[in-house]
N, C-alpha and C. Protein backbone atom coordinates (compact mmCIF):
# COMPACT_ATOMS: atom_id res chain seq x y z
N MET A 1 -9.12 14.44 48.54
CA MET A 1 -9.15 14.26 46.99
C MET A 1 -8.04 14.89 46.54
N LYS A 2 -7.58 16.11 46.89
CA LYS A 2 -6.91 16.93 46.05
C LYS A 2 -5.51 16.29 46.22
N ARG A 3 -5.36 15.71 47.53
CA ARG A 3 -3.96 15.08 47.65
C ARG A 3 -3.74 13.85 47.03
N LEU A 4 -5.04 13.01 46.82
CA LEU A 4 -4.80 12.02 45.84
C LEU A 4 -4.63 12.06 44.36
N VAL A 5 -5.24 13.23 43.99
CA VAL A 5 -4.81 13.81 42.51
C VAL A 5 -3.60 14.03 42.33
N THR A 6 -2.96 15.12 43.22
CA THR A 6 -1.61 15.39 43.42
C THR A 6 -0.72 13.98 43.41
N ILE A 7 -0.97 12.86 44.14
CA ILE A 7 -0.22 11.74 44.07
C ILE A 7 -0.24 11.08 42.67
N LEU A 8 -1.33 11.02 42.17
CA LEU A 8 -1.49 10.46 40.71
C LEU A 8 -0.66 11.37 39.59
N LEU A 9 -0.57 12.41 39.64
CA LEU A 9 0.02 13.29 38.83
C LEU A 9 1.37 13.11 39.06
N LEU A 10 1.92 13.06 40.10
CA LEU A 10 3.31 12.79 40.48
C LEU A 10 3.66 11.37 39.82
N LEU A 11 2.69 10.39 40.09
CA LEU A 11 3.25 8.99 39.59
C LEU A 11 3.09 9.04 37.99
N LEU A 12 2.11 9.70 37.41
CA LEU A 12 2.19 9.83 35.97
C LEU A 12 3.55 10.38 35.37
N THR A 13 3.55 11.40 36.01
CA THR A 13 5.01 12.14 35.81
C THR A 13 6.23 11.40 35.75
N ALA A 14 6.25 10.72 37.04
CA ALA A 14 7.60 9.70 37.03
C ALA A 14 7.54 8.61 36.14
N ALA A 15 6.43 8.03 35.98
CA ALA A 15 6.16 7.02 34.75
C ALA A 15 6.78 7.50 33.41
N SER A 16 6.22 8.82 32.76
CA SER A 16 6.58 9.41 31.80
C SER A 16 7.86 9.72 31.55
N SER A 17 8.64 10.11 32.67
CA SER A 17 10.02 10.41 32.62
C SER A 17 11.13 9.06 32.43
N LEU A 18 10.47 8.06 33.13
CA LEU A 18 11.02 6.65 32.95
C LEU A 18 11.02 6.07 31.67
N ALA A 19 9.72 6.28 31.07
CA ALA A 19 9.57 5.91 29.91
C ALA A 19 10.45 6.77 28.70
N ALA A 20 10.47 8.08 28.81
CA ALA A 20 11.11 8.69 28.07
C ALA A 20 12.77 8.43 27.98
N GLU A 21 13.24 7.96 29.30
CA GLU A 21 14.62 7.57 29.45
C GLU A 21 14.83 6.18 28.69
N ARG A 22 13.90 5.32 28.93
CA ARG A 22 13.97 4.06 28.38
C ARG A 22 13.87 4.19 26.82
N PHE A 23 13.09 4.91 26.36
CA PHE A 23 12.64 4.80 24.99
C PHE A 23 12.73 6.34 24.55
N PRO A 24 13.95 6.97 24.09
CA PRO A 24 14.03 8.31 23.93
C PRO A 24 13.66 8.73 22.45
N HIS A 25 13.32 7.76 21.68
CA HIS A 25 12.79 8.10 20.46
C HIS A 25 11.33 7.79 20.22
N GLY A 26 10.78 7.22 21.55
CA GLY A 26 9.35 6.75 21.47
C GLY A 26 9.25 5.40 21.27
N ARG A 27 8.11 4.66 21.36
CA ARG A 27 7.86 3.41 21.48
C ARG A 27 6.92 2.87 20.10
N TRP A 28 6.14 3.84 19.61
CA TRP A 28 5.86 3.53 18.08
C TRP A 28 6.42 3.98 17.09
N SER A 29 6.26 3.18 16.05
CA SER A 29 6.87 3.80 14.92
C SER A 29 6.13 3.21 13.59
N VAL A 30 6.22 4.14 12.65
CA VAL A 30 5.38 4.09 11.11
C VAL A 30 6.57 4.29 10.35
N GLY A 31 6.51 3.22 9.25
CA GLY A 31 7.78 3.37 8.27
C GLY A 31 7.04 3.12 6.73
N LEU A 32 7.54 3.69 5.76
CA LEU A 32 7.26 3.37 4.54
C LEU A 32 8.39 3.18 3.61
N ASP A 33 8.40 1.94 2.97
CA ASP A 33 9.94 1.54 2.01
C ASP A 33 9.31 1.37 0.68
N ALA A 34 10.37 1.55 -0.20
CA ALA A 34 10.21 0.94 -1.50
C ALA A 34 10.79 -0.38 -1.65
N VAL A 35 10.33 -1.37 -2.31
CA VAL A 35 10.40 -2.81 -2.29
C VAL A 35 10.65 -3.26 -3.72
N GLY A 36 11.75 -4.04 -3.81
CA GLY A 36 12.06 -5.00 -4.96
C GLY A 36 12.11 -6.48 -4.51
N ASP A 37 11.50 -7.40 -5.38
CA ASP A 37 11.59 -8.51 -4.90
C ASP A 37 11.64 -9.68 -6.05
N ILE A 38 11.94 -10.86 -5.80
CA ILE A 38 12.36 -12.06 -6.55
C ILE A 38 11.34 -12.92 -6.34
N ILE A 39 10.38 -13.84 -7.19
CA ILE A 39 9.47 -14.65 -6.65
C ILE A 39 10.02 -16.08 -7.28
N ASN A 40 9.39 -17.17 -6.58
CA ASN A 40 9.80 -18.43 -7.28
C ASN A 40 8.47 -19.21 -6.89
N GLY A 41 7.55 -19.53 -7.91
CA GLY A 41 6.30 -20.30 -7.61
C GLY A 41 5.39 -19.48 -7.46
N GLY A 42 4.00 -20.16 -7.51
CA GLY A 42 3.03 -19.42 -7.01
C GLY A 42 1.83 -19.32 -8.19
N ASP A 43 2.02 -19.55 -9.27
CA ASP A 43 0.89 -19.63 -10.33
C ASP A 43 1.10 -20.84 -11.33
N ASP A 44 0.16 -21.37 -11.35
CA ASP A 44 0.37 -22.88 -12.54
C ASP A 44 -0.18 -22.57 -13.79
N ARG A 45 -0.50 -21.27 -14.18
CA ARG A 45 -1.22 -21.13 -15.44
C ARG A 45 -0.31 -21.22 -16.61
N SER A 46 -0.51 -22.48 -17.69
CA SER A 46 0.55 -22.62 -18.42
C SER A 46 0.78 -21.45 -19.39
N ASP A 47 -0.40 -20.81 -19.72
CA ASP A 47 -0.31 -19.63 -20.64
C ASP A 47 0.05 -18.33 -20.21
N LEU A 48 0.60 -18.27 -19.01
CA LEU A 48 1.30 -16.99 -18.33
C LEU A 48 2.71 -17.29 -17.85
N ASN A 49 3.44 -16.31 -18.65
CA ASN A 49 4.86 -16.32 -18.22
C ASN A 49 5.08 -15.00 -17.40
N VAL A 50 5.66 -15.33 -16.03
CA VAL A 50 5.54 -13.93 -15.20
C VAL A 50 7.06 -13.57 -14.95
N ASP A 51 7.41 -12.34 -14.87
CA ASP A 51 8.59 -11.73 -14.48
C ASP A 51 8.83 -12.05 -13.32
N ASP A 52 9.97 -12.69 -12.85
CA ASP A 52 10.49 -12.91 -11.45
C ASP A 52 10.76 -11.68 -10.53
N HIS A 53 10.97 -10.65 -11.40
CA HIS A 53 11.43 -9.27 -10.47
C HIS A 53 10.06 -8.41 -10.52
N GLY A 54 9.82 -8.08 -9.46
CA GLY A 54 8.81 -7.11 -9.26
C GLY A 54 9.24 -5.89 -8.46
N SER A 55 8.44 -4.79 -8.20
CA SER A 55 8.35 -3.77 -7.37
C SER A 55 7.31 -3.35 -6.75
N GLY A 56 7.42 -2.60 -5.74
CA GLY A 56 6.17 -1.93 -4.90
C GLY A 56 6.46 -1.37 -3.59
N ALA A 57 5.65 -1.40 -2.75
CA ALA A 57 5.98 -0.70 -1.38
C ALA A 57 5.54 -1.47 -0.18
N ALA A 58 6.14 -0.89 1.05
CA ALA A 58 5.65 -1.98 2.38
C ALA A 58 5.41 -0.85 3.49
N LEU A 59 4.56 -1.12 4.12
CA LEU A 59 4.29 -0.22 5.35
C LEU A 59 4.44 -1.05 6.62
N ARG A 60 5.29 -0.37 7.29
CA ARG A 60 5.40 -0.96 8.86
C ARG A 60 4.96 -0.19 9.82
N LEU A 61 4.19 -0.91 10.95
CA LEU A 61 3.85 -0.31 12.13
C LEU A 61 4.55 -1.26 13.43
N GLY A 62 5.23 -0.60 14.00
CA GLY A 62 5.96 -1.18 15.23
C GLY A 62 5.79 -0.72 16.62
N PHE A 63 5.84 -1.45 17.48
CA PHE A 63 5.80 -1.01 19.10
C PHE A 63 6.97 -1.69 19.63
N LEU A 64 7.53 -0.90 20.42
CA LEU A 64 8.85 -1.48 21.23
C LEU A 64 8.36 -2.08 22.50
N LEU A 65 8.58 -3.28 22.92
CA LEU A 65 8.35 -3.81 24.21
C LEU A 65 9.34 -3.53 25.26
N GLY A 66 10.33 -3.37 24.69
CA GLY A 66 11.63 -3.15 25.40
C GLY A 66 12.80 -2.61 24.69
N PRO A 67 13.97 -2.05 25.14
CA PRO A 67 15.18 -1.71 24.29
C PRO A 67 15.44 -2.25 23.28
N THR A 68 15.31 -3.54 23.30
CA THR A 68 16.00 -4.49 22.22
C THR A 68 14.78 -5.44 21.45
N LEU A 69 13.53 -5.17 21.88
CA LEU A 69 12.33 -6.13 21.48
C LEU A 69 11.34 -5.40 21.02
N GLN A 70 10.81 -5.81 19.69
CA GLN A 70 9.80 -4.79 19.02
C GLN A 70 8.86 -5.93 18.45
N ILE A 71 7.42 -5.73 18.40
CA ILE A 71 6.65 -6.24 17.52
C ILE A 71 6.19 -5.33 16.33
N MET A 72 6.13 -6.03 15.20
CA MET A 72 5.88 -5.22 13.94
C MET A 72 4.85 -5.77 12.96
N LEU A 73 4.15 -4.83 12.50
CA LEU A 73 2.98 -5.27 11.53
C LEU A 73 3.58 -5.06 10.25
N HIS A 74 3.90 -5.72 9.28
CA HIS A 74 4.44 -5.51 8.17
C HIS A 74 3.47 -5.96 6.93
N SER A 75 3.20 -4.90 6.02
CA SER A 75 2.33 -5.14 4.85
C SER A 75 3.08 -4.65 3.56
N THR A 76 2.92 -5.50 2.59
CA THR A 76 3.57 -5.32 1.38
C THR A 76 2.82 -5.57 0.26
N VAL A 77 3.00 -4.85 -0.97
CA VAL A 77 2.29 -4.88 -2.22
C VAL A 77 3.33 -4.87 -3.25
N THR A 78 3.70 -5.76 -4.16
CA THR A 78 4.25 -5.75 -5.33
C THR A 78 3.59 -6.16 -6.55
N GLU A 79 3.98 -5.57 -7.64
CA GLU A 79 3.54 -5.99 -9.03
C GLU A 79 4.56 -6.70 -9.74
N HIS A 80 4.00 -7.54 -10.74
CA HIS A 80 4.89 -8.25 -11.65
C HIS A 80 4.18 -8.41 -13.10
N GLN A 81 4.90 -8.25 -13.96
CA GLN A 81 4.60 -7.96 -15.15
C GLN A 81 4.51 -9.36 -15.78
N THR A 82 3.73 -9.69 -16.69
CA THR A 82 3.56 -11.01 -17.51
C THR A 82 3.72 -10.68 -19.18
N ASN A 83 3.55 -11.75 -19.78
CA ASN A 83 3.52 -11.93 -21.37
C ASN A 83 2.15 -11.50 -22.03
N LEU A 84 1.17 -11.46 -20.99
CA LEU A 84 -0.08 -11.12 -21.78
C LEU A 84 -0.58 -9.39 -21.36
N ASP A 85 -0.94 -8.88 -22.71
CA ASP A 85 -1.24 -7.53 -22.56
C ASP A 85 -2.02 -7.15 -21.51
N ASP A 86 -1.85 -6.19 -20.72
CA ASP A 86 -2.63 -5.39 -19.58
C ASP A 86 -3.05 -6.32 -18.61
N THR A 87 -2.00 -7.24 -18.49
CA THR A 87 -2.06 -8.32 -17.21
C THR A 87 -0.99 -8.39 -16.37
N ALA A 88 -1.16 -8.08 -15.09
CA ALA A 88 -0.09 -8.26 -14.31
C ALA A 88 -0.35 -8.94 -12.92
N LEU A 89 0.60 -9.48 -12.30
CA LEU A 89 0.11 -10.21 -11.02
C LEU A 89 0.68 -9.11 -9.80
N ARG A 90 -0.47 -9.11 -9.14
CA ARG A 90 -0.24 -8.44 -7.62
C ARG A 90 -0.30 -9.08 -6.42
N TYR A 91 0.99 -8.79 -5.90
CA TYR A 91 1.51 -9.68 -4.60
C TYR A 91 1.11 -8.98 -3.35
N GLU A 92 0.25 -9.37 -2.50
CA GLU A 92 -0.06 -8.70 -1.24
C GLU A 92 0.23 -9.52 -0.17
N GLY A 93 0.84 -9.20 0.88
CA GLY A 93 1.19 -9.61 1.96
C GLY A 93 1.31 -9.12 3.31
N ALA A 94 0.68 -9.70 4.51
CA ALA A 94 0.82 -9.15 5.76
C ALA A 94 1.26 -10.07 6.72
N THR A 95 2.27 -9.76 7.42
CA THR A 95 2.95 -10.59 8.67
C THR A 95 3.26 -9.84 9.86
N PHE A 96 3.02 -10.67 10.85
CA PHE A 96 3.39 -10.21 12.43
C PHE A 96 4.76 -10.74 12.55
N ASP A 97 5.60 -9.80 13.03
CA ASP A 97 7.07 -9.90 13.04
C ASP A 97 7.36 -9.72 14.54
N ILE A 98 8.40 -10.41 14.97
CA ILE A 98 8.90 -10.28 16.26
C ILE A 98 10.44 -9.83 15.76
N VAL A 99 10.90 -8.46 16.54
CA VAL A 99 12.40 -8.01 15.97
C VAL A 99 13.07 -7.74 17.06
N TYR A 100 14.32 -8.27 16.93
CA TYR A 100 15.34 -8.16 18.11
C TYR A 100 16.36 -7.11 17.50
N LEU A 101 16.61 -6.13 18.22
CA LEU A 101 17.27 -4.87 17.98
C LEU A 101 18.78 -5.00 18.77
N PHE A 102 19.78 -4.87 18.09
CA PHE A 102 21.08 -4.54 18.76
C PHE A 102 21.38 -3.33 18.80
N ARG A 103 22.37 -3.19 19.58
CA ARG A 103 22.94 -1.70 19.99
C ARG A 103 21.98 -0.84 20.82
N PRO A 104 21.24 -0.96 21.66
CA PRO A 104 20.38 0.22 22.23
C PRO A 104 20.98 1.31 22.60
N GLY A 105 20.33 2.53 22.24
CA GLY A 105 20.88 3.86 22.43
C GLY A 105 21.87 4.16 21.55
N HIS A 106 22.18 3.54 20.53
CA HIS A 106 23.27 4.08 19.51
C HIS A 106 22.44 4.31 18.08
N THR A 107 23.00 5.30 17.35
CA THR A 107 22.28 5.77 16.18
C THR A 107 22.08 4.75 15.16
N PHE A 108 23.11 3.76 15.02
CA PHE A 108 22.87 2.81 14.00
C PHE A 108 22.56 1.69 14.72
N ARG A 109 21.22 0.64 14.59
CA ARG A 109 20.70 -0.38 14.98
C ARG A 109 20.38 -1.46 14.18
N PRO A 110 21.29 -2.23 13.96
CA PRO A 110 20.85 -3.76 13.28
C PRO A 110 19.84 -4.64 13.89
N TYR A 111 19.51 -5.20 13.07
CA TYR A 111 18.22 -6.21 13.53
C TYR A 111 17.95 -7.49 13.05
N LEU A 112 17.39 -8.37 13.69
CA LEU A 112 17.01 -9.63 13.09
C LEU A 112 15.44 -9.92 13.30
N SER A 113 14.79 -10.34 12.56
CA SER A 113 13.27 -10.76 12.67
C SER A 113 12.79 -11.84 12.25
N GLY A 114 11.57 -12.33 12.73
CA GLY A 114 11.13 -13.62 12.15
C GLY A 114 9.50 -13.43 12.24
N GLY A 115 8.78 -14.03 11.75
CA GLY A 115 7.28 -13.93 11.91
C GLY A 115 6.60 -14.84 10.94
N GLY A 116 5.15 -14.57 11.00
CA GLY A 116 4.27 -15.22 10.00
C GLY A 116 3.02 -14.52 9.61
N GLY A 117 2.26 -15.01 8.53
CA GLY A 117 1.16 -14.36 8.14
C GLY A 117 0.37 -14.86 7.14
N GLY A 118 0.04 -14.18 5.96
CA GLY A 118 -0.34 -14.72 4.82
C GLY A 118 -0.10 -13.96 3.60
N TYR A 119 -0.31 -14.47 2.28
CA TYR A 119 -0.21 -13.84 1.04
C TYR A 119 -1.16 -14.16 0.06
N MET A 120 -1.30 -13.20 -0.78
CA MET A 120 -2.39 -13.46 -1.98
C MET A 120 -1.63 -12.78 -3.17
N VAL A 121 -1.90 -13.51 -4.31
CA VAL A 121 -1.46 -13.18 -5.51
C VAL A 121 -2.78 -13.17 -6.49
N THR A 122 -2.70 -11.96 -7.21
CA THR A 122 -4.27 -11.86 -8.04
C THR A 122 -3.79 -11.38 -9.43
N SER A 123 -4.38 -11.80 -10.43
CA SER A 123 -4.28 -11.35 -11.76
C SER A 123 -5.62 -11.37 -12.37
N GLN A 124 -5.90 -10.46 -13.12
CA GLN A 124 -7.28 -10.30 -13.98
C GLN A 124 -7.09 -9.73 -15.32
N LYS A 125 -7.97 -10.50 -16.16
CA LYS A 125 -8.02 -10.41 -17.53
C LYS A 125 -9.37 -10.28 -17.90
N ASP A 126 -9.90 -8.89 -18.54
CA ASP A 126 -11.20 -8.77 -18.75
C ASP A 126 -12.23 -9.04 -17.50
N ALA A 127 -13.06 -9.84 -17.60
CA ALA A 127 -14.08 -10.34 -16.59
C ALA A 127 -13.69 -11.38 -15.59
N LEU A 128 -12.47 -11.97 -15.89
CA LEU A 128 -12.00 -13.10 -14.96
C LEU A 128 -10.87 -12.59 -14.12
N THR A 129 -10.88 -12.95 -12.94
CA THR A 129 -10.03 -12.80 -11.86
C THR A 129 -9.51 -14.07 -11.13
N PHE A 130 -8.24 -14.28 -11.37
CA PHE A 130 -7.58 -15.43 -10.59
C PHE A 130 -6.86 -15.12 -9.46
N GLU A 131 -7.05 -15.86 -8.36
CA GLU A 131 -6.22 -15.57 -7.22
C GLU A 131 -5.69 -16.81 -6.52
N SER A 132 -4.63 -16.69 -6.05
CA SER A 132 -3.97 -17.91 -5.21
C SER A 132 -3.74 -16.98 -3.59
N GLU A 133 -3.96 -18.07 -2.69
CA GLU A 133 -3.61 -17.68 -1.21
C GLU A 133 -2.94 -18.41 -0.53
N GLY A 134 -2.30 -18.13 0.51
CA GLY A 134 -1.55 -19.28 1.28
C GLY A 134 -1.05 -18.67 2.60
N GLY A 135 -0.56 -19.21 3.63
CA GLY A 135 0.25 -18.72 4.75
C GLY A 135 1.67 -18.73 4.39
N ALA A 136 2.14 -17.73 5.45
CA ALA A 136 3.67 -17.70 5.02
C ALA A 136 4.58 -17.68 6.40
N ALA A 137 5.58 -17.75 6.26
CA ALA A 137 6.55 -17.70 7.28
C ALA A 137 7.83 -16.61 6.70
N VAL A 138 8.22 -15.82 7.71
CA VAL A 138 9.17 -14.92 6.98
C VAL A 138 10.15 -14.76 8.15
N PHE A 139 11.57 -14.55 7.47
CA PHE A 139 12.80 -14.22 8.14
C PHE A 139 13.29 -13.22 7.66
N GLY A 140 14.14 -12.29 8.50
CA GLY A 140 14.79 -10.79 7.88
C GLY A 140 15.71 -10.32 8.78
N ALA A 141 16.45 -9.58 8.21
CA ALA A 141 17.47 -8.71 8.66
C ALA A 141 17.55 -7.42 8.15
N GLY A 142 17.90 -6.44 8.87
CA GLY A 142 18.03 -5.00 8.41
C GLY A 142 18.77 -4.08 9.66
N PHE A 143 18.54 -2.88 9.25
CA PHE A 143 18.95 -1.80 10.21
C PHE A 143 18.20 -0.49 10.37
N HIS A 144 18.12 0.07 11.36
CA HIS A 144 17.46 1.58 11.56
C HIS A 144 18.88 2.65 11.76
N MET A 145 18.84 3.69 11.06
CA MET A 145 19.42 4.79 11.38
C MET A 145 18.73 6.01 11.80
N ASN A 146 19.12 6.37 13.02
CA ASN A 146 18.27 7.54 13.67
C ASN A 146 18.97 8.56 13.06
N LEU A 147 18.07 9.57 12.42
CA LEU A 147 18.79 11.04 12.08
C LEU A 147 18.29 11.95 13.34
N ASN A 148 17.17 11.99 14.03
CA ASN A 148 17.06 12.81 14.98
C ASN A 148 16.10 11.90 15.87
N ARG A 149 15.46 12.81 16.61
CA ARG A 149 14.46 11.76 17.83
C ARG A 149 13.36 11.16 17.18
N HIS A 150 12.87 11.66 15.91
CA HIS A 150 11.72 11.17 15.45
C HIS A 150 11.78 10.50 14.14
N LEU A 151 12.76 10.91 13.37
CA LEU A 151 12.96 10.47 11.95
C LEU A 151 14.25 9.57 11.85
N GLY A 152 14.03 8.55 11.02
CA GLY A 152 15.27 7.65 10.55
C GLY A 152 15.18 7.06 9.41
N LEU A 153 16.19 6.28 8.85
CA LEU A 153 16.17 5.55 7.78
C LEU A 153 16.19 3.98 7.89
N HIS A 154 15.69 3.23 6.95
CA HIS A 154 15.51 1.86 7.23
C HIS A 154 16.00 1.14 6.15
N ALA A 155 16.53 0.17 6.13
CA ALA A 155 16.63 -1.13 5.19
C ALA A 155 16.54 -2.40 5.55
N GLN A 156 16.07 -3.26 4.72
CA GLN A 156 15.70 -4.63 5.11
C GLN A 156 15.83 -5.58 4.05
N GLY A 157 16.31 -6.86 4.40
CA GLY A 157 16.12 -7.97 3.58
C GLY A 157 15.25 -8.90 3.90
N ARG A 158 14.32 -9.60 3.53
CA ARG A 158 13.47 -10.70 3.94
C ARG A 158 13.48 -11.70 3.12
N PHE A 159 13.20 -12.92 3.60
CA PHE A 159 12.97 -14.37 2.95
C PHE A 159 11.64 -14.91 3.30
N VAL A 160 10.65 -15.00 2.14
CA VAL A 160 9.31 -15.52 2.66
C VAL A 160 9.05 -16.75 2.15
N ALA A 161 8.73 -17.87 2.93
CA ALA A 161 8.15 -19.02 2.32
C ALA A 161 6.67 -18.94 2.53
N ILE A 162 6.15 -19.40 1.35
CA ILE A 162 4.73 -19.32 1.08
C ILE A 162 4.21 -20.88 1.04
N ASN A 163 3.15 -21.21 1.60
CA ASN A 163 2.38 -22.46 1.39
C ASN A 163 1.19 -21.87 0.52
N TRP A 164 1.08 -22.02 -0.65
CA TRP A 164 -0.06 -21.75 -1.44
C TRP A 164 -1.08 -22.97 -1.24
N ASN A 165 -2.49 -22.49 -0.86
CA ASN A 165 -3.35 -23.51 -0.47
C ASN A 165 -4.68 -23.61 -1.11
N MET A 166 -4.78 -22.25 -1.94
CA MET A 166 -6.19 -22.13 -2.56
C MET A 166 -5.95 -21.44 -3.79
N ASN A 167 -6.61 -21.96 -4.91
CA ASN A 167 -6.82 -21.05 -6.13
C ASN A 167 -8.20 -20.78 -6.32
N ARG A 168 -8.43 -19.38 -6.79
CA ARG A 168 -9.78 -19.09 -7.02
C ARG A 168 -10.27 -18.32 -8.13
N ALA A 169 -10.84 -18.91 -9.00
CA ALA A 169 -11.28 -18.05 -10.27
C ALA A 169 -12.64 -17.32 -10.29
N THR A 170 -12.81 -15.91 -10.35
CA THR A 170 -13.90 -15.57 -10.34
C THR A 170 -14.36 -14.84 -11.69
N LEU A 171 -15.55 -15.23 -12.20
CA LEU A 171 -15.93 -14.54 -13.59
C LEU A 171 -17.14 -13.73 -13.33
N GLN A 172 -17.14 -12.45 -13.61
CA GLN A 172 -18.27 -11.59 -13.74
C GLN A 172 -19.02 -11.89 -14.92
N MET A 173 -20.26 -12.00 -14.90
CA MET A 173 -21.26 -12.40 -15.97
C MET A 173 -21.84 -10.93 -16.55
N ASP A 174 -22.17 -10.97 -17.72
CA ASP A 174 -22.75 -9.92 -18.38
C ASP A 174 -23.92 -9.46 -17.80
N GLY A 175 -24.82 -10.41 -17.19
CA GLY A 175 -26.07 -9.99 -16.51
C GLY A 175 -25.92 -9.41 -15.08
N GLY A 176 -24.67 -9.32 -14.68
CA GLY A 176 -24.28 -8.84 -13.17
C GLY A 176 -24.22 -9.97 -12.06
N GLY A 177 -24.34 -11.21 -12.72
CA GLY A 177 -24.15 -12.16 -11.79
C GLY A 177 -22.65 -12.77 -11.62
N THR A 178 -22.15 -13.61 -10.66
CA THR A 178 -20.68 -13.71 -10.32
C THR A 178 -20.55 -15.35 -10.31
N THR A 179 -19.64 -15.91 -10.83
CA THR A 179 -19.47 -17.03 -10.74
C THR A 179 -18.08 -17.47 -10.30
N VAL A 180 -17.91 -18.31 -9.07
CA VAL A 180 -16.52 -18.41 -8.34
C VAL A 180 -16.39 -19.97 -8.17
N ILE A 181 -15.14 -20.29 -8.68
CA ILE A 181 -14.49 -21.69 -8.63
C ILE A 181 -13.37 -21.73 -7.79
N GLU A 182 -13.60 -22.64 -6.70
CA GLU A 182 -12.24 -22.71 -5.70
C GLU A 182 -11.81 -23.92 -5.87
N THR A 183 -10.61 -24.21 -5.99
CA THR A 183 -9.71 -25.33 -6.03
C THR A 183 -8.49 -25.48 -4.80
N PRO A 184 -8.77 -26.34 -4.01
CA PRO A 184 -7.69 -26.41 -2.92
C PRO A 184 -6.35 -27.01 -3.73
N ILE A 185 -5.32 -26.43 -3.34
CA ILE A 185 -3.83 -26.74 -3.88
C ILE A 185 -2.97 -27.04 -2.57
N GLU A 186 -1.77 -27.72 -3.12
CA GLU A 186 -0.80 -27.83 -1.83
C GLU A 186 0.70 -27.62 -2.71
N LYS A 187 1.13 -26.25 -2.81
CA LYS A 187 2.17 -26.07 -3.49
C LYS A 187 3.03 -24.76 -2.73
N SER A 188 4.46 -24.99 -2.89
CA SER A 188 5.15 -24.25 -2.00
C SER A 188 5.88 -23.09 -2.93
N GLY A 189 6.12 -21.92 -2.34
CA GLY A 189 6.74 -20.83 -3.25
C GLY A 189 7.39 -19.99 -2.24
N THR A 190 8.36 -19.40 -2.97
CA THR A 190 9.43 -18.28 -1.95
C THR A 190 9.47 -16.91 -2.80
N MET A 191 9.88 -16.03 -1.59
CA MET A 191 10.12 -14.64 -2.33
C MET A 191 11.02 -14.00 -1.35
N THR A 192 11.82 -13.41 -2.12
CA THR A 192 13.03 -12.68 -1.48
C THR A 192 12.90 -11.04 -1.87
N THR A 193 12.91 -10.46 -0.73
CA THR A 193 12.61 -8.89 -0.98
C THR A 193 13.77 -8.20 -0.41
N LEU A 194 14.27 -6.73 -1.12
CA LEU A 194 14.91 -5.89 -0.59
C LEU A 194 14.21 -4.62 -0.49
N SER A 195 14.21 -3.92 0.68
CA SER A 195 13.46 -2.51 0.96
C SER A 195 14.16 -1.47 1.67
N ALA A 196 13.87 -0.23 1.25
CA ALA A 196 14.45 0.86 1.92
C ALA A 196 13.59 1.82 1.99
N GLY A 197 13.81 2.45 2.95
CA GLY A 197 12.71 3.93 3.34
C GLY A 197 13.02 4.45 4.42
N GLY A 198 12.09 5.25 5.01
CA GLY A 198 11.95 6.08 6.17
C GLY A 198 11.09 5.80 7.25
N THR A 199 11.45 6.04 8.58
CA THR A 199 10.80 5.68 9.75
C THR A 199 10.19 6.98 10.39
N PHE A 200 9.18 6.93 11.08
CA PHE A 200 8.71 8.11 12.00
C PHE A 200 8.47 7.54 13.25
N ARG A 201 9.09 7.94 14.52
CA ARG A 201 8.78 7.49 15.59
C ARG A 201 8.09 8.35 16.50
N PHE A 202 7.39 7.85 17.59
CA PHE A 202 6.60 8.90 18.36
C PHE A 202 6.21 7.90 19.62
């Protein structure tokens, strides 16, 4: 039994050493970026003029499958002002991306990415909440700049094509009830984003 435990420990040590050699900065990464975006399409309300330019934040969670291949969960929230007082549009999106990283083993690593997911845009005025949602395809390019083993800088540009397929209006009644009206739609919109921030690897 002791011999078996010793063999298992030796195998685990060897596997850990091999992983450390292949992934010197770790396989997992978490990143936080500041985001600026430009939208085109997504809201049909004639009384609402929306600022095309918005700002917000993005959260990234990645896992390296190999020295050049990574899977990434990317979540973004941005806000766009409107011509109505106290009314803004909130864009929320989440995509699952495949990332190809160039220059393995180097400090500066550019990459290309592509993936899909979904987006939702929400606005609220008094007791009325208006939402649109739909699927999305995303294509991006960016780079990582390693500062040390665990910390790095990151910048990225993304193009998002969104197929808006549902409008939803929710009215909160004075008596506590809720009225929801859903309308299927078929409308396309796009979003272009630029982001920059930091990454922690482990």
